[in-house]
Amino acid sequence: MDFFAILLRGLTFLPNAVEAIEALSGGKTSEEKRQAAVEMAGDTINVADAVAARQIVDAAGFTEGLGKIVDGVVDCLNASVWFKG
């Protein structure tokens, strides 16, 4: 499967992953929860295989970008009335 399609499919699960991490990690710091979400996203997308296959040429930059996406998802969820329910 095309890596871009895998990336997009993996990112669709990110809001649920962030919510699950929040529920399971109540006593953790925000940074610990963020790191867990980035790692989960990386595992879902299978970053290690994508690096090996040269679909990702800068793993650190890619992981930094995933962190920004996680931050954005958290911002959106925190700002949503339907999420605060």
Protein backbone atom coordinates (compact mmCIF):
# COMPACT_ATOMS: atom_id res chain seq x y z
CA MET A 1 0.00 0.00 0.00
CA ASP A 2 1.16 3.51 -0.74
CA PHE A 3 2.77 5.09 2.34
CA PHE A 4 0.67 8.25 2.04
CA ALA A 5 -2.50 6.16 2.25
CA ILE A 6 -1.13 4.37 5.32
CA LEU A 7 -0.25 7.73 6.90
CA LEU A 8 -3.72 9.15 6.31
CA ARG A 9 -5.43 6.00 7.60
CA GLY A 10 -3.23 6.03 10.71
CA LEU A 11 -3.97 9.68 11.43
CA THR A 12 -7.72 9.07 11.37
CA PHE A 13 -7.33 7.05 14.57
CA LEU A 14 -5.39 9.78 16.36
CA PRO A 15 -8.33 11.50 18.14
CA ASN A 16 -9.42 8.15 19.61
CA ALA A 17 -5.84 7.35 20.58
CA VAL A 18 -5.42 10.70 22.33
CA GLU A 19 -8.67 10.19 24.20
CA ALA A 20 -7.66 6.66 25.27
CA ILE A 21 -4.23 7.79 26.41
CA GLU A 22 -5.82 10.58 28.43
CA ALA A 23 -8.19 8.12 30.10
CA LEU A 24 -5.46 5.59 30.88
CA SER A 25 -2.76 8.07 31.93
CA GLY A 26 -4.55 10.35 34.34
CA GLY A 27 -1.58 10.78 36.66
CA LYS A 28 1.00 11.36 33.92
CA THR A 29 2.31 14.72 32.81
CA SER A 30 1.14 16.33 29.60
CA GLU A 31 4.52 15.63 28.01
CA GLU A 32 4.36 11.95 28.95
CA LYS A 33 0.88 11.67 27.44
CA ARG A 34 2.04 13.53 24.33
CA GLN A 35 5.01 11.18 23.94
CA ALA A 36 2.73 8.15 24.33
CA ALA A 37 0.43 9.51 21.60
CA VAL A 38 3.37 10.20 19.26
CA GLU A 39 4.71 6.68 19.85
CA MET A 40 1.28 5.16 19.25
CA ALA A 41 0.89 7.14 16.04
CA GLY A 42 4.37 6.10 14.92
CA ASP A 43 3.61 2.45 15.63
CA THR A 44 0.29 2.67 13.80
CA ILE A 45 1.91 4.23 10.75
CA ASN A 46 4.90 1.87 11.13
CA VAL A 47 7.55 4.57 10.91
CA ALA A 48 10.40 2.07 11.37
CA ASP A 49 9.45 0.17 8.22
CA ALA A 50 8.88 3.39 6.29
CA VAL A 51 12.38 4.59 7.23
CA ALA A 52 13.87 1.24 6.19
CA ALA A 53 12.03 1.43 2.87
CA ARG A 54 13.23 5.03 2.40
CA GLN A 55 9.68 6.36 2.36
CA ILE A 56 10.74 8.56 5.28
CA VAL A 57 14.22 10.04 4.90
CA ASP A 58 14.27 12.13 8.10
CA ALA A 59 12.86 10.09 10.99
CA ALA A 60 13.47 12.83 13.56
CA GLY A 61 11.72 15.44 11.43
CA PHE A 62 8.83 13.07 10.76
CA THR A 63 8.45 12.32 14.47
CA GLU A 64 8.54 16.04 15.24
CA GLY A 65 5.75 16.53 12.70
CA LEU A 66 3.71 13.77 14.35
CA GLY A 67 4.12 15.63 17.63
CA LYS A 68 2.71 18.77 16.06
CA ILE A 69 -0.25 16.81 14.73
CA VAL A 70 -0.87 15.34 18.20
CA ASP A 71 -0.71 18.85 19.68
CA GLY A 72 -3.26 20.03 17.12
CA VAL A 73 -5.60 17.13 17.84
CA VAL A 74 -5.40 17.88 21.58
CA ASP A 75 -6.12 21.57 20.93
CA CYS A 76 -9.14 20.69 18.80
CA LEU A 77 -10.49 18.20 21.33
CA ASN A 78 -9.99 20.62 24.23
CA ALA A 79 -11.83 23.35 22.32
CA SER A 80 -14.79 21.15 21.33
CA VAL A 81 -18.04 21.20 23.27
CA TRP A 82 -18.94 17.70 22.06
CA PHE A 83 -15.68 16.34 23.49
CA LYS A 84 -16.03 17.93 26.90
CA GLY A 85 -19.51 16.35 27.24
